[in-house]
């Protein structure tokens, strides 16, 4: 098994290479004549789409507000469920929930790394 620091360093190297290649790709796109025209058309269409969405949202009124409220509530409940699942796991208990058809769901855990406070940055 590889050392975690070696894997971390390798990921950073690959990300730097990705950035360089992405920059090269973007430069090549800018050089393509029709690309800028299409980007501009997309911008106009996106603005039209947003105007239509805003009009429909106004027409729906309270129903649309309820949709937005529910979306926020679902995210809040998901956070609470995650906190409860983690607490349950830390107690050494099994974490499982069931839906209305008795299908079982178990948590899928993810570990992410973020820069520790006080670190210095050079690049990225």
Protein backbone atom coordinates (compact mmCIF):
# COMPACT_ATOMS: atom_id res chain seq x y z
CA UNK A 1 0.00 0.00 0.00
CA UNK A 2 1.30 3.44 -0.90
CA UNK A 3 2.04 6.15 1.62
CA UNK A 4 -0.78 8.72 1.86
CA UNK A 5 1.69 11.59 1.37
CA UNK A 6 2.98 10.03 -1.87
CA UNK A 7 -0.58 9.69 -3.18
CA UNK A 8 -1.39 13.29 -2.13
CA UNK A 9 1.75 14.57 -3.92
CA UNK A 10 0.94 12.55 -7.04
CA UNK A 11 -2.61 13.97 -7.11
CA UNK A 12 -1.22 17.52 -6.86
CA UNK A 13 1.19 16.84 -9.74
CA UNK A 14 -1.65 15.48 -11.89
CA UNK A 15 -3.83 18.49 -11.04
CA UNK A 16 -1.06 20.85 -12.13
CA UNK A 17 -0.72 18.97 -15.41
CA UNK A 18 -4.51 19.09 -15.82
CA UNK A 19 -4.46 22.86 -15.29
CA UNK A 20 -1.73 23.33 -17.88
CA UNK A 21 -3.57 21.19 -20.44
CA UNK A 22 -6.89 22.92 -19.65
CA UNK A 23 -5.25 26.32 -20.25
CA UNK A 24 -3.85 25.07 -23.57
CA UNK A 25 -7.32 23.79 -24.54
CA UNK A 26 -8.96 27.12 -23.65
CA UNK A 27 -6.37 29.01 -25.70
CA UNK A 28 -7.07 26.75 -28.68
CA UNK A 29 -10.82 27.34 -28.32
CA UNK A 30 -10.33 31.11 -28.35
CA UNK A 31 -8.46 30.74 -31.64
CA UNK A 32 -11.39 28.93 -33.27
CA UNK A 33 -13.43 31.50 -35.23
CA UNK A 34 -16.89 30.06 -34.75
CA UNK A 35 -16.39 29.28 -31.06
CA UNK A 36 -16.85 32.88 -29.88
CA UNK A 37 -20.00 33.25 -32.02
CA UNK A 38 -21.52 30.14 -30.47
CA UNK A 39 -20.58 31.27 -26.97
CA UNK A 40 -22.37 34.55 -27.63
CA UNK A 41 -25.47 32.73 -28.97
CA UNK A 42 -25.49 30.55 -25.85
CA UNK A 43 -25.34 33.67 -23.69
CA UNK A 44 -28.35 35.17 -25.47
CA UNK A 45 -30.32 31.92 -25.20
CA UNK A 46 -29.43 31.57 -21.51
CA UNK A 47 -30.76 35.09 -20.87
CA UNK A 48 -34.00 34.24 -22.70
CA UNK A 49 -34.30 31.02 -20.69
CA UNK A 50 -33.81 32.91 -17.42
CA UNK A 51 -36.46 35.46 -18.41
CA UNK A 52 -38.95 32.67 -19.16
CA UNK A 53 -38.13 30.95 -15.87
CA UNK A 54 -38.61 34.21 -13.94
CA UNK A 55 -41.97 34.79 -15.65
CA UNK A 56 -43.18 31.27 -14.83
CA UNK A 57 -41.96 31.58 -11.24
CA UNK A 58 -44.03 34.75 -10.87
CA UNK A 59 -47.06 33.05 -12.42
CA UNK A 60 -46.79 30.12 -10.02
CA UNK A 61 -46.41 32.47 -7.08
CA UNK A 62 -46.82 30.64 -3.77
CA UNK A 63 -46.41 27.20 -5.37
CA UNK A 64 -42.92 28.14 -6.57
CA UNK A 65 -42.05 29.60 -3.16
CA UNK A 66 -43.16 26.31 -1.59
CA UNK A 67 -40.89 24.42 -4.03
CA UNK A 68 -37.91 26.54 -2.98
CA UNK A 69 -38.78 26.14 0.72
CA UNK A 70 -39.00 22.36 0.31
CA UNK A 71 -35.66 22.27 -1.50
CA UNK A 72 -34.04 24.10 1.42
CA UNK A 73 -35.77 21.88 3.99
CA UNK A 74 -34.60 18.71 2.19
CA UNK A 75 -30.99 19.93 2.30
CA UNK A 76 -31.30 20.76 6.01
CA UNK A 77 -32.81 17.34 6.75
CA UNK A 78 -30.03 15.62 4.76
CA UNK A 79 -27.43 17.39 6.88
CA UNK A 80 -29.25 16.29 10.04
CA UNK A 81 -29.46 12.71 8.76
CA UNK A 82 -25.71 12.75 8.02
CA UNK A 83 -24.97 14.02 11.53
CA UNK A 84 -27.18 11.34 13.10
CA UNK A 85 -25.62 8.61 10.93
CA UNK A 86 -22.11 9.67 11.89
CA UNK A 87 -23.02 9.80 15.59
CA UNK A 88 -24.63 6.36 15.36
CA UNK A 89 -21.56 4.95 13.62
CA UNK A 90 -19.26 6.47 16.24
CA UNK A 91 -21.26 4.60 18.91
CA UNK A 92 -20.46 1.37 17.06
CA UNK A 93 -24.05 0.84 15.92
CA UNK A 94 -25.18 -0.16 12.43
CA UNK A 95 -26.57 2.63 10.29
CA UNK A 96 -29.45 1.57 8.02
CA UNK A 97 -32.70 3.23 6.90
CA UNK A 98 -35.63 1.78 4.93
CA UNK A 99 -37.99 3.29 2.41
CA UNK A 100 -41.73 2.68 2.11
CA UNK A 101 -41.10 -0.55 0.14
CA UNK A 102 -38.76 -1.91 2.82
CA UNK A 103 -35.63 -1.35 0.69
CA UNK A 104 -32.62 -0.83 2.92
CA UNK A 105 -30.18 2.03 2.46
CA UNK A 106 -26.78 2.21 4.08
CA UNK A 107 -24.52 5.25 4.18
CA UNK A 108 -21.79 5.82 1.64
CA UNK A 109 -18.95 7.59 3.41
CA UNK A 110 -16.59 10.04 1.77
CA UNK A 111 -13.35 11.54 3.05
CA UNK A 112 -12.20 14.88 1.70
CA UNK A 113 -9.10 16.87 2.57
CA UNK A 114 -8.94 20.63 2.96
CA UNK A 115 -6.02 22.87 3.71
CA UNK A 116 -5.41 23.20 7.46
CA UNK A 117 -5.61 26.69 8.99
CA UNK A 118 -2.39 28.64 9.01
CA UNK A 119 -1.01 26.95 5.91
CA UNK A 120 0.68 29.02 3.26
CA UNK A 121 -0.27 28.76 -0.36
CA UNK A 122 1.89 29.02 -3.43
CA UNK A 123 -0.05 28.34 -6.58
CA UNK A 124 -3.46 26.73 -7.10
